[in-house]
Protein backbone atom coordinates (compact mmCIF):
# COMPACT_ATOMS: atom_id res chain seq x y z
CA UNK A 1 161.36 132.37 86.34
CA UNK A 2 158.96 132.20 83.42
CA UNK A 3 155.34 132.98 84.19
CA UNK A 4 154.25 129.52 83.03
CA UNK A 5 156.60 127.80 85.46
CA UNK A 6 155.49 130.06 88.30
CA UNK A 7 151.81 129.31 87.63
CA UNK A 8 152.38 125.57 87.42
CA UNK A 9 154.35 125.57 90.67
CA UNK A 10 151.90 127.73 92.57
CA UNK A 11 148.83 125.77 91.45
CA UNK A 12 150.13 122.35 92.55
CA UNK A 13 148.03 122.20 95.76
CA UNK A 14 144.89 122.82 93.71
CA UNK A 15 145.89 120.25 91.10
CA UNK A 16 146.51 117.69 93.84
CA UNK A 17 143.06 118.41 95.29
CA UNK A 18 141.54 117.85 91.84
CA UNK A 19 143.40 114.58 91.26
CA UNK A 20 142.28 113.24 94.65
CA UNK A 21 138.68 114.46 94.37
CA UNK A 22 136.07 111.66 94.69
CA UNK A 23 134.77 112.28 91.17
CA UNK A 24 138.25 111.80 89.71
CA UNK A 25 139.14 108.82 91.90
CA UNK A 26 135.77 107.39 90.90
CA UNK A 27 136.71 107.69 87.23
CA UNK A 28 139.97 105.93 88.04
CA UNK A 29 138.19 103.04 89.72
CA UNK A 30 135.38 102.86 87.17
CA UNK A 31 132.56 103.95 89.45
CA UNK A 32 130.87 107.37 89.47
CA UNK A 33 127.17 107.79 90.35
CA UNK A 34 125.04 108.10 87.22
CA UNK A 35 123.37 111.19 88.64
CA UNK A 36 126.75 112.89 89.05
CA UNK A 37 127.74 112.02 85.47
CA UNK A 38 124.49 113.46 84.14
CA UNK A 39 124.84 116.64 86.20
CA UNK A 40 128.43 117.07 85.04
CA UNK A 41 127.59 116.66 81.36
CA UNK A 42 124.73 119.15 81.51
CA UNK A 43 126.88 121.74 83.22
CA UNK A 44 129.98 121.11 81.11
CA UNK A 45 127.95 121.51 77.93
CA UNK A 46 126.90 124.90 79.28
CA UNK A 47 130.47 125.74 80.26
CA UNK A 48 131.93 124.76 76.88
CA UNK A 49 129.35 126.94 75.16
CA UNK A 50 130.71 129.90 77.13
CA UNK A 51 134.28 128.72 76.54
CA UNK A 52 133.70 128.85 72.78
CA UNK A 53 132.43 132.42 72.99
CA UNK A 54 135.48 133.46 75.01
CA UNK A 55 137.74 131.90 72.38
CA UNK A 56 135.99 134.10 69.83
CA UNK A 57 136.68 137.11 72.04
CA UNK A 58 140.33 136.08 72.29
CA UNK A 59 140.67 136.21 68.51
CA UNK A 60 139.76 139.90 68.60
CA UNK A 61 142.67 140.54 70.98
CA UNK A 62 145.27 138.77 68.80
CA UNK A 63 147.77 140.53 66.57
CA UNK A 64 149.38 137.30 65.43
CA UNK A 65 147.67 135.22 62.74
CA UNK A 66 148.97 131.95 64.17
CA UNK A 67 147.29 132.80 67.47
CA UNK A 68 144.05 133.58 65.65
CA UNK A 69 144.26 130.21 63.94
CA UNK A 70 144.87 128.47 67.27
CA UNK A 71 141.69 129.87 68.79
CA UNK A 72 139.69 129.24 65.61
CA UNK A 73 140.86 125.62 65.62
CA UNK A 74 139.82 125.25 69.26
CA UNK A 75 136.34 126.51 68.51
CA UNK A 76 136.11 123.82 65.83
CA UNK A 77 137.39 121.16 68.25
CA UNK A 78 134.90 122.03 70.97
CA UNK A 79 131.99 122.03 68.54
CA UNK A 80 132.93 118.77 66.83
CA UNK A 81 135.52 116.87 68.87
CA UNK A 82 135.27 117.34 72.62
CA UNK A 83 131.68 116.13 72.73
CA UNK A 84 133.08 112.59 72.57
CA UNK A 85 134.14 112.90 76.21
CA UNK A 86 130.54 113.80 77.07
CA UNK A 87 129.24 110.87 75.05
CA UNK A 88 131.41 108.45 77.03
CA UNK A 89 129.86 109.66 80.30
CA UNK A 90 126.36 109.42 78.82
CA UNK A 91 126.96 105.89 77.57
CA UNK A 92 128.14 104.81 81.00
CA UNK A 93 125.19 106.51 82.71
CA UNK A 94 122.79 105.22 80.04
CA UNK A 95 121.30 108.63 79.38
CA UNK A 96 120.53 110.55 76.21
CA UNK A 97 123.09 113.26 75.50
CA UNK A 98 120.63 115.62 73.83
CA UNK A 99 118.45 115.62 76.95
CA UNK A 100 121.26 117.29 78.91
CA UNK A 101 122.08 120.08 76.48
CA UNK A 102 119.60 122.60 77.85
CA UNK A 103 120.48 122.45 81.54
CA UNK A 104 120.25 125.72 83.44
CA UNK A 105 123.58 126.99 84.75
CA UNK A 106 124.20 125.77 88.27
CA UNK A 107 125.86 128.25 90.67
CA UNK A 108 129.47 127.23 90.10
CA UNK A 109 129.00 127.04 86.34
CA UNK A 110 127.58 130.55 86.41
CA UNK A 111 130.52 131.80 88.49
CA UNK A 112 133.12 130.13 86.25
CA UNK A 113 131.51 131.44 83.08
CA UNK A 114 131.34 134.97 84.49
CA UNK A 115 134.99 134.72 85.53
CA UNK A 116 135.95 133.97 81.92
CA UNK A 117 133.60 136.60 80.49
CA UNK A 118 135.13 139.20 82.82
CA UNK A 119 138.60 138.42 81.48
CA UNK A 120 137.30 138.78 77.93
CA UNK A 121 135.46 142.04 78.67
CA UNK A 122 138.07 143.84 80.75
CA UNK A 123 141.42 142.21 80.05
CA UNK A 124 144.04 141.82 77.38
CA UNK A 125 144.92 138.60 75.57
CA UNK A 126 147.11 137.51 78.47
CA UNK A 127 144.14 137.78 80.86
CA UNK A 128 141.88 135.71 78.64
CA UNK A 129 144.50 133.01 78.20
CA UNK A 130 145.17 132.89 81.95
CA UNK A 131 141.47 132.43 82.70
CA UNK A 132 140.98 129.70 80.08
CA UNK A 133 144.20 127.69 80.36
CA UNK A 134 143.40 125.73 83.55
CA UNK A 135 140.63 123.83 81.79
CA UNK A 136 142.75 122.03 79.17
CA UNK A 137 145.77 121.90 81.46
CA UNK A 138 144.05 120.24 84.43
CA UNK A 139 142.20 117.76 82.21
CA UNK A 140 145.45 116.66 80.60
CA UNK A 141 147.04 116.37 84.05
CA UNK A 142 144.06 114.33 85.31
CA UNK A 143 144.37 111.94 82.39
CA UNK A 144 148.12 111.52 82.85
CA UNK A 145 147.69 111.00 86.59
CA UNK A 146 145.17 108.20 86.08
CA UNK A 147 147.31 106.53 83.42
CA UNK A 148 150.41 106.71 85.63
CA UNK A 149 148.44 104.99 88.40
CA UNK A 150 147.62 102.17 85.97
CA UNK A 151 143.89 102.86 85.99
CA UNK A 152 143.24 103.19 82.25
CA UNK A 153 142.56 99.46 81.93
CA UNK A 154 140.33 97.58 79.53
CA UNK A 155 138.07 96.76 82.47
CA UNK A 156 137.55 100.42 83.34
CA UNK A 157 134.47 101.82 81.55
CA UNK A 158 136.13 105.25 81.66
CA UNK A 159 139.22 104.05 79.77
CA UNK A 160 138.36 105.97 76.60
CA UNK A 161 137.70 109.16 78.59
CA UNK A 162 141.02 108.85 80.42
CA UNK A 163 142.99 108.21 77.24
CA UNK A 164 141.16 111.03 75.45
CA UNK A 165 142.77 113.52 77.84
CA UNK A 166 145.98 111.68 78.75
CA UNK A 167 147.54 111.13 75.35
CA UNK A 168 150.71 113.05 74.50
CA UNK A 169 148.93 113.78 71.22
CA UNK A 170 145.74 114.96 72.92
CA UNK A 171 144.22 118.27 71.95
CA UNK A 172 144.41 119.48 75.56
CA UNK A 173 148.14 118.73 75.82
CA UNK A 174 148.93 120.60 72.60
CA UNK A 175 146.66 123.47 73.56
CA UNK A 176 148.11 123.80 77.06
CA UNK A 177 151.64 123.97 75.68
CA UNK A 178 150.65 126.67 73.19
CA UNK A 179 148.75 128.72 75.76
CA UNK A 180 151.58 128.59 78.31
CA UNK A 181 153.93 129.76 75.54
CA UNK A 182 151.58 132.66 74.76
CA UNK A 183 151.55 133.64 78.44
CA UNK A 184 155.34 133.69 78.55
CA UNK A 185 155.56 135.79 75.40
CA UNK A 186 152.85 138.23 76.44
CA UNK A 187 154.21 138.54 80.00
CA UNK A 188 157.24 140.42 78.70
CA UNK A 189 154.96 143.38 77.92
CA UNK A 190 153.69 143.89 81.47
CA UNK A 191 154.84 145.15 84.83
CA UNK A 192 154.92 142.77 87.82
CA UNK A 193 151.86 144.45 89.32
CA UNK A 194 149.77 143.59 86.28
CA UNK A 195 151.12 140.04 86.12
CA UNK A 196 149.86 139.49 89.66
CA UNK A 197 146.34 140.05 88.31
CA UNK A 198 147.04 137.55 85.54
CA UNK A 199 148.31 135.03 88.09
CA UNK A 200 145.15 135.46 90.15
CA UNK A 201 142.95 134.82 87.12
CA UNK A 202 144.78 131.56 86.46
CA UNK A 203 144.66 130.36 90.06
CA UNK A 204 140.99 131.23 90.44
CA UNK A 205 140.21 129.21 87.32
CA UNK A 206 142.15 126.29 88.80
CA UNK A 207 140.04 126.41 91.94
CA UNK A 208 136.88 126.77 89.87
CA UNK A 209 137.87 123.56 88.06
CA UNK A 210 138.02 121.84 91.46
CA UNK A 211 134.70 123.29 92.53
CA UNK A 212 133.14 122.28 89.21
CA UNK A 213 133.92 118.63 89.97
CA UNK A 214 132.54 119.03 93.48
CA UNK A 215 129.39 120.68 92.15
CA UNK A 216 128.77 117.68 89.89
CA UNK A 217 129.52 115.09 92.56
CA UNK A 218 127.14 116.74 95.02
CA UNK A 219 124.73 117.96 92.31
CA UNK A 220 124.74 121.45 93.79
CA UNK A 221 122.03 123.57 92.20
CA UNK A 222 120.29 126.82 93.05
CA UNK A 223 118.16 126.39 96.15
CA UNK A 224 115.24 128.16 94.47
CA UNK A 225 115.93 127.07 90.90
CA UNK A 226 112.22 126.44 90.29
CA UNK A 227 111.60 130.20 90.64
CA UNK A 228 114.02 131.07 87.83
CA UNK A 229 112.09 129.33 85.05
């Protein structure tokens, strides 16, 4: 069985938990607390900043020019394209986007970022890809799930957000396909023992995606955050 298929199969319980999480069901039914939307955007801006840096690290681990171009293109997309999803949340919550771009990392954001940085510092290309892939993959799956349930309606204020991630032409769909293909190609170079580590990186990132949604819904911050400033 290809590594990609194994990872998709094994992560299904986590994906199901994400798709049934109150934040996601709230998006589907057009109602998420404004405070949760604001917390999410502030933390996701922080996360995507780290994500961009890890993409840059991935380029250094590539031998193939097409792979280098893929990661370079993704850096461009994050900096200039993916912010639209944030803007949709801000418009719904009636908050200023720029006011959320300097949020301190909340605990789960910090853990997720460090998880990715660790893959970039200590791993090969396959490790970095495994740690990063759950983000675009789960978002595309979330979008498709909500569309399949008939929730991307004109009456839903989150319609644009849902369609942004659900489209067969979406950046996340194309990226996920490319990254899974890279995993399958790179996996041929490694022994099963090493691939278990790769699998764990992927599955941990999947759970961190789930916990990221929960962090936003509950607005979980450091208990003594005021001491860190």
